[in-house]
C-alpha atoms as a PDB file:
ATOM      1  CA  MET A   1      88.469  -0.584 -44.992  1.00  0.00           C
ATOM      2  CA  GLY A   2      88.132   3.085 -44.030  1.00  0.00           C
ATOM      3  CA  GLY A   3      90.676   5.188 -43.321  1.00  0.00           C
ATOM      4  CA  LYS A   4      91.190   7.995 -45.041  1.00  0.00           C
ATOM      5  CA  CYS A   5      91.923   8.769 -48.648  1.00  0.00           C
ATOM      6  CA  PRO A   6      95.212   8.075 -50.458  1.00  0.00           C
ATOM      7  CA  HIS A   7      94.652  11.178 -52.777  1.00  0.00           C
ATOM      8  CA  ARG A   8      93.153  13.581 -50.617  1.00  0.00           C
ATOM      9  CA  SER A   9      95.720  16.701 -51.961  1.00  0.00           C
ATOM     10  CA  VAL A  10      92.880  15.840 -55.540  1.00  0.00           C
ATOM     11  CA  LYS A  11      90.883  18.404 -53.563  1.00  0.00           C
ATOM     12  CA  LYS A  12      93.183  20.989 -53.690  1.00  0.00           C
ATOM     13  CA  ARG A  13      93.483  21.011 -57.094  1.00  0.00           C
ATOM     14  CA  ARG A  14      90.046  21.398 -58.123  1.00  0.00           C
ATOM     15  CA  TYR A  15      87.593  24.537 -58.472  1.00  0.00           C
ATOM     16  CA  SER A  16      86.870  26.631 -55.376  1.00  0.00           C
ATOM     17  CA  HIS A  17      83.161  26.725 -54.401  1.00  0.00           C
ATOM     18  CA  LYS A  18      82.813  30.937 -55.121  1.00  0.00           C
ATOM     19  CA  THR A  19      84.563  30.432 -58.837  1.00  0.00           C
ATOM     20  CA  HIS A  20      82.719  26.408 -59.400  1.00  0.00           C
ATOM     21  CA  ARG A  21      78.607  28.579 -58.320  1.00  0.00           C
ATOM     22  CA  ARG A  22      80.115  32.142 -60.632  1.00  0.00           C
ATOM     23  CA  ALA A  23      81.045  29.336 -64.003  1.00  0.00           C
ATOM     24  CA  LYS A  24      76.762  28.125 -64.173  1.00  0.00           C
ATOM     25  CA  PHE A  25      74.719  31.010 -64.541  1.00  0.00           C
ATOM     26  CA  LEU A  26      74.833  32.468 -67.959  1.00  0.00           C
ATOM     27  CA  VAL A  27      77.342  34.579 -69.138  1.00  0.00           C
ATOM     28  CA  LYS A  28      76.998  36.757 -72.896  1.00  0.00           C
ATOM     29  CA  GLY A  29      78.886  35.466 -75.172  1.00  0.00           C
ATOM     30  CA  ASP A  30      82.462  37.559 -76.536  1.00  0.00           C
ATOM     31  CA  ASP A  31      80.785  37.850 -79.984  1.00  0.00           C
ATOM     32  CA  MET A  32      77.143  38.785 -77.881  1.00  0.00           C
ATOM     33  CA  VAL A  33      79.731  41.211 -75.347  1.00  0.00           C
ATOM     34  CA  TYR A  34      81.405  43.072 -78.052  1.00  0.00           C
ATOM     35  CA  ASP A  35      78.007  43.316 -80.481  1.00  0.00           C
ATOM     36  CA  GLY A  36      76.595  44.968 -77.043  1.00  0.00           C
ATOM     37  CA  LEU A  37      79.322  47.327 -76.586  1.00  0.00           C
ATOM     38  CA  ASN A  38      79.957  48.680 -80.659  1.00  0.00           C
ATOM     39  CA  LYS A  39      75.728  49.711 -80.229  1.00  0.00           C
ATOM     40  CA  ALA A  40      76.718  51.150 -76.899  1.00  0.00           C
ATOM     41  CA  ASP A  41      79.188  53.689 -79.115  1.00  0.00           C
ATOM     42  CA  GLU A  42      76.009  54.261 -80.745  1.00  0.00           C
ATOM     43  CA  GLN A  43      73.157  55.382 -77.967  1.00  0.00           C
ATOM     44  CA  THR A  44      73.825  55.379 -74.816  1.00  0.00           C
ATOM     45  CA  LYS A  45      70.530  55.071 -72.069  1.00  0.00           C
ATOM     46  CA  PRO A  46      70.140  54.885 -68.802  1.00  0.00           C
ATOM     47  CA  LEU A  47      69.689  51.458 -67.043  1.00  0.00           C
ATOM     48  CA  PRO A  48      66.267  50.787 -65.986  1.00  0.00           C
ATOM     49  CA  PRO A  49      65.788  50.518 -62.237  1.00  0.00           C
ATOM     50  CA  ASP A  50      65.227  45.972 -62.077  1.00  0.00           C
ATOM     51  CA  GLN A  51      65.113  45.121 -57.929  1.00  0.00           C
ATOM     52  CA  ASP A  52      66.094  41.239 -59.025  1.00  0.00           C
ATOM     53  CA  LEU A  53      69.500  42.078 -59.736  1.00  0.00           C
ATOM     54  CA  PRO A  54      72.156  43.809 -57.612  1.00  0.00           C
ATOM     55  CA  GLY A  55      72.332  47.576 -56.579  1.00  0.00           C
ATOM     56  CA  MET A  56      69.393  48.191 -58.404  1.00  0.00           C
ATOM     57  CA  GLY A  57      70.622  47.204 -62.452  1.00  0.00           C
ATOM     58  CA  GLN A  58      72.722  51.189 -62.283  1.00  0.00           C
ATOM     59  CA  PHE A  59      75.923  49.592 -61.744  1.00  0.00           C
ATOM     60  CA  TYR A  60      77.418  47.247 -64.858  1.00  0.00           C
ATOM     61  CA  CYS A  61      80.485  45.624 -66.217  1.00  0.00           C
ATOM     62  CA  LEU A  62      79.635  45.906 -69.851  1.00  0.00           C
ATOM     63  CA  HIS A  63      83.019  44.064 -71.125  1.00  0.00           C
ATOM     64  CA  CYS A  64      82.590  41.381 -68.253  1.00  0.00           C
ATOM     65  CA  ASP A  65      78.893  41.276 -68.157  1.00  0.00           C
ATOM     66  CA  ARG A  66      78.719  41.805 -64.266  1.00  0.00           C
ATOM     67  CA  TYR A  67      76.677  43.993 -62.295  1.00  0.00           C
ATOM     68  CA  PHE A  68      77.957  45.585 -59.449  1.00  0.00           C
ATOM     69  CA  ASN A  69      76.170  47.087 -55.488  1.00  0.00           C
ATOM     70  CA  ASN A  70      77.831  50.081 -55.666  1.00  0.00           C
ATOM     71  CA  ALA A  71      79.970  52.790 -58.355  1.00  0.00           C
ATOM     72  CA  ALA A  72      82.935  52.075 -55.855  1.00  0.00           C
ATOM     73  CA  VAL A  73      82.180  48.552 -56.166  1.00  0.00           C
ATOM     74  CA  ARG A  74      82.137  48.909 -59.766  1.00  0.00           C
ATOM     75  CA  ASP A  75      85.118  51.232 -59.637  1.00  0.00           C
ATOM     76  CA  ASP A  76      87.046  48.244 -57.699  1.00  0.00           C
ATOM     77  CA  HIS A  77      86.626  45.756 -60.033  1.00  0.00           C
ATOM     78  CA  PHE A  78      87.821  48.493 -63.805  1.00  0.00           C
ATOM     79  CA  LYS A  79      91.198  48.410 -61.714  1.00  0.00           C
ATOM     80  CA  THR A  80      91.432  44.319 -61.817  1.00  0.00           C
ATOM     81  CA  LYS A  81      93.565  41.997 -64.257  1.00  0.00           C
ATOM     82  CA  ARG A  82      90.691  39.893 -65.010  1.00  0.00           C
ATOM     83  CA  HIS A  83      88.478  42.579 -66.379  1.00  0.00           C
ATOM     84  CA  ARG A  84      91.240  43.931 -67.571  1.00  0.00           C
ATOM     85  CA  ARG A  85      92.241  41.436 -70.164  1.00  0.00           C
ATOM     86  CA  ARG A  86      89.002  40.909 -71.186  1.00  0.00           C
ATOM     87  CA  VAL A  87      88.907  43.638 -72.328  1.00  0.00           C
ATOM     88  CA  LYS A  88      92.084  43.641 -74.133  1.00  0.00           C
ATOM     89  CA  LEU A  89      90.254  40.706 -75.684  1.00  0.00           C
ATOM     90  CA  LEU A  90      87.812  42.113 -76.598  1.00  0.00           C
ATOM     91  CA  MET A  91      89.260  44.646 -78.596  1.00  0.00           C
ATOM     92  CA  GLU A  92      89.691  42.731 -81.576  1.00  0.00           C
ATOM     93  CA  ALA A  93      87.050  40.997 -83.536  1.00  0.00           C
ATOM     94  CA  PRO A  94      85.490  37.798 -82.189  1.00  0.00           C
ATOM     95  CA  HIS A  95      85.686  34.517 -84.377  1.00  0.00           C
ATOM     96  CA  THR A  96      83.441  34.163 -86.612  1.00  0.00           C
ATOM     97  CA  GLN A  97      81.930  30.724 -88.113  1.00  0.00           C
ATOM     98  CA  LEU A  98      84.025  31.759 -92.366  1.00  0.00           C
ATOM     99  CA  ASP A  99      86.766  31.668 -89.385  1.00  0.00           C
ATOM    100  CA  ALA A 100      85.467  28.334 -88.607  1.00  0.00           C
ATOM    101  CA  ASP A 101      85.429  26.970 -92.238  1.00  0.00           C
ATOM    102  CA  LEU A 102      88.213  28.654 -93.998  1.00  0.00           C
ATOM    103  CA  ALA A 103      90.894  27.423 -90.820  1.00  0.00           C
ATOM    104  CA  ALA A 104      89.295  23.922 -91.297  1.00  0.00           C
ATOM    105  CA  GLY A 105      89.606  23.691 -94.962  1.00  0.00           C
ATOM    106  CA  MET A 106      86.250  23.751 -96.283  1.00  0.00           C
ATOM    107  CA  GLY A 107      86.401  27.554 -97.721  1.00  0.00           C
ATOM    108  CA  MET A 108      87.916  28.807-101.225  1.00  0.00           C
ATOM    109  CA  PRO A 109      90.585  26.257-102.646  1.00  0.00           C
ATOM    110  CA  ASP A 110      94.193  29.040-101.958  1.00  0.00           C
ATOM    111  CA  ASN A 111      95.863  27.238-105.272  1.00  0.00           C
ATOM    112  CA  GLY A 112      97.709  30.713-105.522  1.00  0.00           C
ATOM    113  CA  PRO A 113      98.877  33.618-107.820  1.00  0.00           C
ATOM    114  CA  LYS A 114      98.107  32.739-111.499  1.00  0.00           C
ATOM    115  CA  LEU A 115     100.929  31.708-113.782  1.00  0.00           C
ATOM    116  CA  MET A 116     101.807  34.011-117.662  1.00  0.00           C
ATOM    117  CA  SER A 117     100.081  31.840-120.231  1.00  0.00           C
ATOM    118  CA  PHE A 118     101.617  31.503-123.415  1.00  0.00           C
END
């Protein structure tokens, strides 16, 4: 009953180990990052040093919610397709609960324009 598995190619379709581990860490949602970007325009304070974060927490990408070891790595990250897609995604406001309710038909009814009454 031993031998090779006939469906060995299934393993190739799974995520790589690095991608799978990256997904396990807590990542802020799009709405929280969007709010942080709006607050960043109002007030910009230098980040306090934190020994638990990479690069002492000094090199941070607001859009992707990631810390980097040094400025060169962060600047290389700014050129990647993943970062550019994230910036493009965050240009528009994220969906709200009101949008979800309207899409589900739970919002105010839309009966069309009022007709003239005689």
